[in-house]
Protein backbone atom coordinates (compact mmCIF):
# COMPACT_ATOMS: atom_id res chain seq x y z
CA MET A 1 10.73 6.43 -54.20
CA ARG A 2 8.88 8.27 -51.37
CA VAL A 3 9.49 7.06 -47.82
CA LYS A 4 7.23 8.13 -44.92
CA VAL A 5 8.94 8.19 -41.55
CA LEU A 6 7.12 8.14 -38.21
CA SER A 7 8.74 10.78 -36.04
CA ARG A 8 7.90 10.88 -32.33
CA ASN A 9 9.36 12.80 -29.43
CA PRO A 10 10.83 10.13 -27.09
CA ASP A 11 10.19 12.41 -24.08
CA ASP A 12 6.45 11.78 -24.49
CA TYR A 13 7.01 8.10 -23.79
CA VAL A 14 9.53 8.28 -20.93
CA ARG A 15 8.09 7.08 -17.62
CA GLU A 16 8.09 9.60 -14.76
CA THR A 17 8.98 6.88 -12.26
CA LYS A 18 9.97 3.26 -12.73
CA LEU A 19 6.60 2.21 -11.26
CA ASP A 20 4.72 4.06 -14.01
CA LEU A 21 3.10 2.18 -16.86
CA GLN A 22 4.87 2.33 -20.21
CA ARG A 23 3.09 4.78 -22.51
CA VAL A 24 2.12 3.54 -25.95
CA PRO A 25 1.16 5.54 -29.06
CA ARG A 26 -2.57 5.51 -29.88
CA ASN A 27 -4.36 5.93 -33.16
CA TYR A 28 -7.53 8.02 -32.55
CA ASP A 29 -9.17 7.15 -35.87
CA PRO A 30 -12.87 6.51 -34.99
CA ALA A 31 -13.05 3.74 -37.59
CA LEU A 32 -10.66 1.71 -35.45
CA HIS A 33 -12.75 2.22 -32.28
CA PRO A 34 -16.35 1.27 -33.12
CA PHE A 35 -17.35 0.74 -29.45
CA GLU A 36 -15.81 3.96 -28.11
CA VAL A 37 -19.12 5.56 -27.02
CA ALA A 38 -20.31 2.41 -25.24
CA ARG A 39 -16.99 2.08 -23.45
CA GLU A 40 -17.01 5.74 -22.43
CA TYR A 41 -20.60 5.47 -21.17
CA VAL A 42 -19.62 2.58 -18.87
CA ARG A 43 -16.63 4.59 -17.63
CA ALA A 44 -18.84 7.64 -16.99
CA LEU A 45 -21.34 5.48 -15.09
CA ASN A 46 -18.58 3.98 -12.94
CA ALA A 47 -17.05 7.42 -12.32
CA THR A 48 -20.47 8.79 -11.22
CA LYS A 49 -21.02 5.82 -8.88
CA LEU A 50 -17.53 6.16 -7.37
CA GLU A 51 -18.11 9.89 -6.87
CA ARG A 52 -21.16 9.12 -4.72
CA VAL A 53 -19.25 6.35 -2.85
CA PHE A 54 -16.41 8.73 -1.94
CA ALA A 55 -18.70 11.70 -1.14
CA LYS A 56 -17.75 12.30 2.49
CA PRO A 57 -17.86 16.09 2.87
CA PHE A 58 -17.71 16.48 6.67
CA LEU A 59 -14.15 17.10 7.90
CA SER A 60 -14.32 18.23 11.54
CA SER A 61 -16.14 20.37 14.07
CA LEU A 62 -14.56 23.23 16.02
CA ASP A 63 -16.12 23.16 19.47
CA GLY A 64 -15.41 25.53 22.32
CA HIS A 65 -18.23 28.06 22.25
CA ARG A 66 -20.65 28.00 25.17
CA ASP A 67 -23.59 29.44 23.23
CA GLY A 68 -24.92 29.39 19.65
CA VAL A 69 -22.57 30.74 16.95
CA ASN A 70 -24.17 33.92 15.59
CA CYS A 71 -21.63 35.31 13.09
CA MET A 72 -18.30 34.54 11.42
CA ALA A 73 -15.60 36.47 9.54
CA LYS A 74 -12.75 35.46 7.22
CA HIS A 75 -9.21 36.83 7.47
CA PRO A 76 -8.35 38.60 4.17
CA LYS A 77 -4.63 37.66 4.27
CA SER A 78 -4.55 34.29 6.07
CA LEU A 79 -6.40 31.22 4.77
CA SER A 80 -6.08 29.34 8.05
CA THR A 81 -7.56 32.08 10.29
CA VAL A 82 -11.27 32.46 10.92
CA LEU A 83 -13.19 34.42 13.57
CA SER A 84 -16.50 33.56 15.19
CA GLY A 85 -18.87 35.40 17.51
CA ALA A 86 -21.40 33.74 19.82
CA CYS A 87 -24.69 34.65 21.48
CA ASP A 88 -23.00 35.09 24.89
CA GLY A 89 -20.73 37.92 23.64
CA GLU A 90 -17.67 35.73 23.21
CA VAL A 91 -15.37 36.02 20.17
CA LYS A 92 -12.98 33.21 19.23
CA ILE A 93 -10.12 33.18 16.70
CA TRP A 94 -9.48 29.75 15.17
CA ASN A 95 -6.53 28.16 13.39
CA LEU A 96 -8.04 25.85 10.76
CA THR A 97 -4.76 24.01 10.08
CA ARG A 98 -4.51 22.84 13.69
CA ARG A 99 -8.32 23.02 14.15
CA GLN A 100 -7.83 24.80 17.48
CA CYS A 101 -8.98 28.00 19.12
CA ILE A 102 -5.95 30.29 19.48
CA ARG A 103 -7.62 33.19 21.30
CA THR A 104 -10.85 33.95 23.17
CA ILE A 105 -12.20 37.45 23.92
CA GLN A 106 -15.23 38.39 26.00
CA ALA A 107 -16.17 41.19 23.59
CA HIS A 108 -19.76 42.18 24.43
CA GLU A 109 -22.62 41.77 26.86
CA GLY A 110 -25.36 39.88 25.04
CA PHE A 111 -25.17 38.73 21.42
CA VAL A 112 -22.27 39.46 19.07
CA ARG A 113 -24.43 40.72 16.19
CA GLY A 114 -21.75 41.16 13.55
CA MET A 115 -18.01 41.15 12.90
CA CYS A 116 -15.63 42.03 10.07
CA VAL A 117 -11.86 42.09 9.55
CA ARG A 118 -9.99 45.19 8.34
CA PHE A 119 -8.77 44.88 4.71
CA CYS A 120 -5.11 44.70 5.84
CA GLY A 121 -5.85 41.96 8.41
CA THR A 122 -4.23 43.75 11.40
CA SER A 123 -7.45 44.30 13.38
CA PHE A 124 -11.14 43.43 13.41
CA PHE A 125 -14.43 45.07 14.44
CA THR A 126 -17.34 43.66 16.42
CA VAL A 127 -20.83 45.00 17.23
CA GLY A 128 -23.16 43.70 19.91
CA ASP A 129 -26.38 44.11 21.85
CA ASP A 130 -24.65 46.51 24.29
CA LYS A 131 -24.82 49.31 21.62
CA THR A 132 -21.04 49.39 21.13
CA VAL A 133 -18.67 49.06 18.16
CA LYS A 134 -15.27 47.73 19.23
CA GLN A 135 -11.99 47.44 17.31
CA TRP A 136 -9.57 44.70 18.42
CA LYS A 137 -5.99 43.80 17.50
CA MET A 138 -5.60 40.57 15.56
CA GLU A 139 -2.48 39.56 17.54
CA SER A 140 -2.78 38.26 21.09
CA PRO A 141 -1.73 40.72 23.84
CA GLU A 142 1.79 40.47 25.29
CA TYR A 143 2.40 38.67 28.58
CA GLY A 144 0.90 40.76 31.41
CA GLU A 145 -1.16 42.99 29.05
CA GLU A 146 -4.92 43.32 29.47
CA GLU A 147 -7.24 42.08 26.72
CA GLU A 148 -8.73 45.44 25.74
CA PRO A 149 -10.12 46.91 22.49
CA ILE A 150 -8.12 49.55 20.57
CA HIS A 151 -11.24 51.75 20.17
CA THR A 152 -14.78 51.61 21.54
CA ILE A 153 -17.64 53.62 20.04
CA LEU A 154 -20.79 53.90 22.13
CA GLY A 155 -23.89 54.25 19.94
CA LYS A 156 -27.44 55.35 20.64
CA THR A 157 -29.16 52.20 19.31
CA VAL A 158 -28.37 48.48 18.97
CA TYR A 159 -26.20 47.68 15.94
CA THR A 160 -27.29 44.56 14.05
CA GLY A 161 -24.50 44.27 11.48
CA ILE A 162 -21.13 45.62 10.33
CA ASP A 163 -18.98 45.44 7.21
CA HIS A 164 -15.61 46.98 6.28
CA HIS A 165 -14.67 48.76 3.06
CA TRP A 166 -12.39 46.60 0.85
CA LYS A 167 -9.70 49.28 0.31
CA GLU A 168 -10.15 52.27 2.64
CA PRO A 169 -10.25 52.78 6.46
CA VAL A 170 -14.06 53.06 6.36
CA PHE A 171 -16.72 50.74 7.76
CA ALA A 172 -20.52 50.64 7.78
CA THR A 173 -22.88 49.61 10.57
CA CYS A 174 -26.61 49.03 10.44
CA GLY A 175 -29.40 49.07 13.00
CA HIS A 176 -31.97 51.83 13.03
CA GLN A 177 -30.15 53.28 9.96
CA VAL A 178 -27.00 52.67 7.90
CA ASP A 179 -24.03 54.65 9.29
CA ILE A 180 -20.74 55.15 7.42
CA TRP A 181 -17.80 55.59 9.82
CA ASP A 182 -14.23 56.75 9.46
CA GLU A 183 -11.89 54.71 11.68
CA GLN A 184 -10.39 57.88 13.19
CA ARG A 185 -13.72 59.41 14.28
CA THR A 186 -16.22 58.57 17.00
CA SER A 187 -19.24 59.86 15.08
CA PRO A 188 -20.44 58.64 11.67
CA LYS A 189 -19.39 60.47 8.47
CA CYS A 190 -22.90 60.12 7.13
CA SER A 191 -26.14 58.33 7.94
CA LEU A 192 -28.35 56.85 5.22
CA THR A 193 -31.98 55.97 5.81
CA TRP A 194 -35.03 55.10 3.69
CA GLY A 195 -38.06 54.07 5.72
CA PHE A 196 -38.26 53.58 9.47
CA ASP A 197 -37.56 49.93 10.08
CA SER A 198 -34.59 48.10 11.59
CA ILE A 199 -31.89 47.01 9.13
CA SER A 200 -30.56 43.48 9.63
CA SER A 201 -27.42 43.41 7.47
CA VAL A 202 -25.18 45.66 5.37
CA LYS A 203 -22.55 44.59 2.79
CA PHE A 204 -19.94 46.47 0.74
CA ASN A 205 -19.48 45.55 -2.92
CA PRO A 206 -16.02 43.94 -3.37
CA ILE A 207 -15.53 45.34 -6.91
CA GLU A 208 -17.35 48.69 -7.03
CA THR A 209 -16.24 49.38 -3.47
CA TYR A 210 -18.33 52.53 -2.95
CA LEU A 211 -21.61 50.56 -3.37
CA LEU A 212 -23.47 49.05 -0.40
CA GLY A 213 -26.53 46.86 -0.04
CA SER A 214 -28.71 46.44 3.03
CA CYS A 215 -31.74 44.35 4.08
CA ALA A 216 -34.47 45.77 6.31
CA SER A 217 -37.22 44.03 8.25
CA ASP A 218 -39.91 45.90 6.25
CA ARG A 219 -39.09 43.50 3.32
CA ASN A 220 -36.81 45.98 1.54
CA ILE A 221 -33.44 45.50 -0.11
CA VAL A 222 -31.89 48.98 -0.36
CA LEU A 223 -28.83 49.92 -2.43
CA TYR A 224 -26.63 52.89 -1.50
CA ASP A 225 -23.77 54.81 -3.10
CA MET A 226 -21.25 56.08 -0.55
CA ARG A 227 -20.49 59.14 -2.73
CA LYS A 228 -24.11 60.33 -2.50
CA SER A 229 -25.97 61.40 0.61
CA THR A 230 -29.16 59.52 -0.36
CA PRO A 231 -29.91 55.84 -1.18
CA LEU A 232 -30.01 54.77 -4.85
CA LYS A 233 -33.02 52.44 -5.12
CA LYS A 234 -34.85 49.68 -3.31
CA VAL A 235 -36.80 46.56 -4.16
CA ILE A 236 -39.67 45.33 -1.98
CA LEU A 237 -40.25 41.56 -1.81
CA ASN A 238 -43.20 39.53 -0.50
CA MET A 239 -41.30 38.49 2.62
CA ARG A 240 -38.33 39.72 4.63
CA THR A 241 -34.76 39.29 3.37
CA ASN A 242 -32.32 38.20 6.10
CA THR A 243 -29.02 38.99 4.39
CA LEU A 244 -27.40 39.50 1.01
CA CYS A 245 -23.99 38.77 -0.55
CA TRP A 246 -22.33 40.40 -3.57
CA ASN A 247 -20.77 38.30 -6.33
CA PRO A 248 -16.96 38.79 -6.06
CA MET A 249 -16.52 38.46 -9.86
CA GLU A 250 -19.51 40.36 -11.27
CA ALA A 251 -19.96 43.82 -9.82
CA PHE A 252 -23.72 44.17 -10.37
CA ILE A 253 -24.87 40.73 -9.18
CA PHE A 254 -25.97 39.96 -5.62
CA THR A 255 -27.92 37.13 -3.98
CA ALA A 256 -30.49 37.67 -1.22
CA ALA A 257 -31.51 35.06 1.38
CA ASN A 258 -35.24 35.31 2.04
CA GLU A 259 -37.74 34.17 4.68
CA ASP A 260 -39.93 32.50 2.01
CA TYR A 261 -37.42 29.58 1.74
CA ASN A 262 -35.93 30.93 -1.52
CA LEU A 263 -32.81 32.80 -2.59
CA TYR A 264 -32.98 35.51 -5.26
CA THR A 265 -30.07 36.51 -7.50
CA PHE A 266 -30.53 40.10 -8.72
CA ASP A 267 -28.80 42.32 -11.23
CA MET A 268 -28.79 45.70 -9.47
CA ARG A 269 -29.42 47.51 -12.78
CA PHE A 270 -32.68 45.61 -13.41
CA LEU A 271 -34.43 45.02 -10.09
CA GLU A 272 -37.88 44.50 -11.66
CA SER A 273 -37.30 40.73 -11.65
CA PRO A 274 -34.51 38.53 -10.27
CA VAL A 275 -32.04 36.88 -12.63
CA MET A 276 -32.70 33.53 -10.93
CA VAL A 277 -34.89 32.12 -8.13
CA HIS A 278 -33.11 29.35 -6.19
CA MET A 279 -35.58 26.96 -4.54
CA ASP A 280 -34.77 23.91 -2.42
CA HIS A 281 -34.79 24.89 1.25
CA VAL A 282 -37.86 24.03 3.33
CA SER A 283 -37.45 26.80 5.90
CA ALA A 284 -36.20 30.39 6.15
CA VAL A 285 -32.76 31.02 4.62
CA LEU A 286 -30.59 32.78 7.22
CA ASP A 287 -27.23 33.36 5.52
CA VAL A 288 -25.50 33.21 2.13
CA ASP A 289 -21.87 33.45 0.98
CA TYR A 290 -20.24 33.32 -2.46
CA SER A 291 -17.32 31.17 -3.52
CA PRO A 292 -14.25 33.23 -4.58
CA THR A 293 -14.81 32.13 -8.21
CA GLY A 294 -18.28 33.74 -8.21
CA LYS A 295 -19.80 30.64 -9.91
CA GLU A 296 -21.43 29.13 -6.80
CA PHE A 297 -22.73 30.16 -3.42
CA VAL A 298 -23.59 28.39 -0.18
CA SER A 299 -26.72 29.04 1.88
CA ALA A 300 -27.56 28.30 5.51
CA SER A 301 -31.11 27.62 6.59
CA PHE A 302 -33.38 27.20 9.60
CA ASP A 303 -34.13 23.66 8.28
CA LYS A 304 -30.78 22.41 9.77
CA SER A 305 -28.98 22.04 6.44
CA ILE A 306 -26.67 23.96 4.14
CA ARG A 307 -26.94 23.85 0.35
CA ILE A 308 -24.56 24.71 -2.50
CA PHE A 309 -26.16 26.37 -5.53
CA PRO A 310 -24.62 27.15 -8.93
CA VAL A 311 -25.38 30.82 -9.71
CA ASP A 312 -27.21 29.99 -12.94
CA LYS A 313 -29.29 27.05 -11.64
CA GLY A 314 -32.56 27.07 -9.72
CA HIS A 315 -31.78 23.97 -7.64
CA SER A 316 -28.87 23.04 -5.40
CA ARG A 317 -26.14 20.65 -6.49
CA GLU A 318 -25.34 19.59 -2.91
CA VAL A 319 -26.97 19.43 0.53
CA TYR A 320 -25.00 18.93 3.77
CA HIS A 321 -26.47 17.94 7.13
CA THR A 322 -25.64 15.92 10.25
CA LYS A 323 -27.85 14.43 12.94
CA ARG A 324 -26.56 16.83 15.59
CA MET A 325 -26.61 20.03 13.53
CA GLN A 326 -29.40 22.40 14.53
CA HIS A 327 -30.56 25.67 12.88
CA VAL A 328 -27.62 26.97 10.83
CA ILE A 329 -27.24 30.70 11.46
CA THR A 330 -24.06 31.63 9.61
CA VAL A 331 -21.99 30.22 6.75
CA LYS A 332 -18.69 31.14 5.02
CA TRP A 333 -16.85 29.86 1.93
CA THR A 334 -13.05 29.93 2.43
CA SER A 335 -10.90 32.08 0.13
CA ASP A 336 -9.11 29.10 -1.46
CA ASN A 337 -12.44 27.71 -2.77
CA LYS A 338 -11.89 24.34 -1.05
CA TYR A 339 -13.86 24.45 2.23
CA ILE A 340 -17.11 25.68 3.74
CA LEU A 341 -17.60 26.71 7.39
CA CYS A 342 -20.98 26.85 9.08
CA GLY A 343 -21.96 27.94 12.57
CA SER A 344 -25.15 26.67 14.19
CA ASP A 345 -27.37 26.86 17.25
CA GLU A 346 -25.74 23.98 19.11
CA MET A 347 -22.42 25.84 19.65
CA ASN A 348 -20.40 24.10 16.90
CA ILE A 349 -18.55 25.37 13.84
CA ARG A 350 -18.38 22.66 11.19
CA LEU A 351 -15.81 22.34 8.41
CA TRP A 352 -16.96 20.81 5.11
CA LYS A 353 -15.39 20.13 1.72
CA ALA A 354 -16.78 22.32 -1.08
CA ASN A 355 -16.65 19.27 -3.40
CA ALA A 356 -17.91 16.30 -1.42
CA SER A 357 -15.84 13.62 -3.17
CA GLU A 358 -12.65 15.64 -3.68
CA LYS A 359 -9.43 13.94 -2.56
CA LEU A 360 -7.43 16.17 -0.21
CA GLY A 361 -3.66 16.42 -0.30
CA VAL A 362 -1.14 16.30 -3.15
CA LEU A 363 -2.28 14.44 -6.26
CA ALA A 364 0.11 12.47 -8.49
CA PRO A 365 0.12 13.53 -12.18
CA ARG A 366 -1.69 10.35 -13.21
CA GLU A 367 -4.34 10.89 -10.52
CA LYS A 368 -4.92 14.41 -11.84
CA ALA A 369 -5.19 13.17 -15.42
CA ALA A 370 -7.64 10.42 -14.42
CA MET A 371 -9.71 12.90 -12.40
CA ASN A 372 -9.93 15.37 -15.32
CA TYR A 373 -10.81 12.56 -17.74
CA ASN A 374 -13.60 11.28 -15.46
CA GLN A 375 -14.93 14.81 -15.02
CA LYS A 376 -15.17 15.31 -18.79
CA LEU A 377 -16.88 11.93 -19.18
CA LYS A 378 -19.46 12.85 -16.52
CA GLU A 379 -20.14 16.17 -18.30
CA LYS A 380 -20.48 14.39 -21.66
CA PHE A 381 -23.06 11.86 -20.40
CA GLN A 382 -24.70 14.00 -17.69
CA PHE A 383 -28.16 13.92 -19.32
CA HIS A 384 -28.38 10.12 -19.66
CA PRO A 385 -31.19 8.98 -17.32
CA GLN A 386 -29.18 6.44 -15.33
CA ILE A 387 -26.20 8.75 -14.77
CA ARG A 388 -28.43 11.73 -13.95
CA ARG A 389 -30.39 9.68 -11.40
CA ILE A 390 -27.22 8.53 -9.59
CA ALA A 391 -25.60 11.98 -9.68
CA ARG A 392 -28.74 13.71 -8.31
CA HIS A 393 -29.53 11.26 -5.53
CA ARG A 394 -29.00 12.65 -1.99
CA HIS A 395 -29.97 11.18 1.34
CA LEU A 396 -32.12 13.67 3.27
CA PRO A 397 -33.32 13.70 6.89
CA LYS A 398 -36.91 12.48 7.19
CA SER A 399 -38.22 15.91 8.27
CA ILE A 400 -36.77 17.68 5.20
CA TYR A 401 -37.87 14.86 2.86
CA CYS A 402 -41.48 15.03 4.11
CA GLN A 403 -41.57 18.83 3.91
CA ILE A 404 -40.26 18.79 0.31
CA LYS A 405 -43.02 16.32 -0.61
CA GLU A 406 -45.65 18.47 1.12
CA GLN A 407 -44.46 21.65 -0.64
CA ARG A 408 -44.52 19.89 -4.00
CA ILE A 409 -48.19 18.95 -3.42
CA MET A 410 -49.01 22.54 -2.36
CA ARG A 411 -47.26 24.00 -5.42
CA GLU A 412 -49.12 21.63 -7.71
CA ALA A 413 -52.46 22.56 -6.05
CA ARG A 414 -51.75 26.28 -6.55
CA ARG A 415 -50.87 25.69 -10.20
CA ARG A 416 -54.05 23.66 -10.76
CA LYS A 417 -56.17 26.33 -9.07
CA GLU A 418 -54.69 29.03 -11.28
CA LEU A 419 -55.31 26.95 -14.40
CA ASN A 420 -58.96 26.41 -13.41
CA ARG A 421 -59.43 30.11 -12.65
CA ARG A 422 -57.96 31.03 -16.05
CA LYS A 423 -60.10 28.42 -17.81
CA HIS A 424 -63.37 29.74 -16.31
CA SER A 425 -62.61 33.47 -16.59
CA LYS A 426 -62.88 35.93 -19.43
CA PRO A 427 -59.83 35.58 -21.76
CA GLY A 428 -57.01 37.84 -20.60
CA SER A 429 -58.56 38.67 -17.21
CA VAL A 430 -56.17 36.32 -15.30
CA PRO A 431 -52.68 37.26 -16.52
CA PHE A 432 -49.72 34.89 -16.64
CA VAL A 433 -47.13 35.88 -14.01
CA SER A 434 -43.69 34.28 -14.26
CA GLU A 435 -42.13 32.65 -11.18
CA ARG A 436 -39.45 35.35 -11.12
CA LYS A 437 -41.91 38.24 -10.94
CA LYS A 438 -44.31 36.62 -8.44
CA HIS A 439 -42.20 37.50 -5.42
CA ILE A 440 -41.48 41.18 -6.26
CA VAL A 441 -43.92 43.74 -4.85
CA ALA A 442 -42.36 46.98 -6.14
CA VAL A 443 -39.15 48.73 -7.16
CA VAL A 444 -38.66 52.27 -5.83
CA LYS A 445 -36.01 54.61 -7.29
């Protein structure tokens, strides 16, 4: 006689606390669950609706600046420390845990154009309209000490941006040209130039740390190699690029924020066409920053909103705005991938959640399990019309909503005009140009 014995580990059915529900064994045979898909669809629909109900991304605003916030920098070693520079030359260091300003420095006369923190986190650099580069200690001065910079470099022209090397005591400034500086010297190690226009921003690659990218006001994006004395190559776009940001996980990928309302993700090896064109903003894009995972980035725009884009999608998954927020000049994604900071014209720094409906604080094991289950359900049914409509819906300010509608009409008119021109021309005389290649003028090597 053969006897089959059910053998189960009792630990799988022990409650974690006495308030927990008693776990019961389940048979997953689909024949026993004929309405499983229907039940899961209802659960996915409810999870999607609840996600929109609990989507409250705004956390707090850090106020204290007396002029518009022009630039921000993250501390490489401390998650709770962030630095901001304003249009009146003032630099503030903030503690995000307490949401307070812990130190204020009158760093420059005129705008603070750029700032960056040294890779070890002991000091930071600022550049301003007064043609100086200043290095400051991160710690506050002792009682009775003057608030003075460690080093001051007086330049010949106005510096518009600065970035520090990720591993070495080297930093780069931009203005009339890109200068590479050693921290111990008062003159640049080398100067790189290609063209004769002012350069608005310069960024070091976080992986291939000897590579730099810069944006100039003559519509160029220029790539440099620090080991060579000449630039590598440049791509010319239809309109000016305001800034760029390198992907922290993929060495060759960078995203550029453009004046034509779009963002372009490029692979630096193939600059002939962008990998992806990200369209949703209705005004010039002023700043962009990647999440530490490299899968998403956040953009700040002149249209008084910030948007979160997945790297491989052409449209944003999220848009954040408030009634009081004016033109957003600078934006940063925190190093723990949880929060976004943006600085705008009306003197405020705002703190947002990266996932609008995420619950903050410690989650119980059952909460985590329920959250993961709901997430998988939403992914499974994401293309069902009802669920997709609810998940995509966002409330927009009237000005942005009307401009989006207007741009849609203009785009449709351009498409119709091109179709008519092709229809009434000799075959092959009006070539098809893809959306990705439309915005590229030339690539120079």
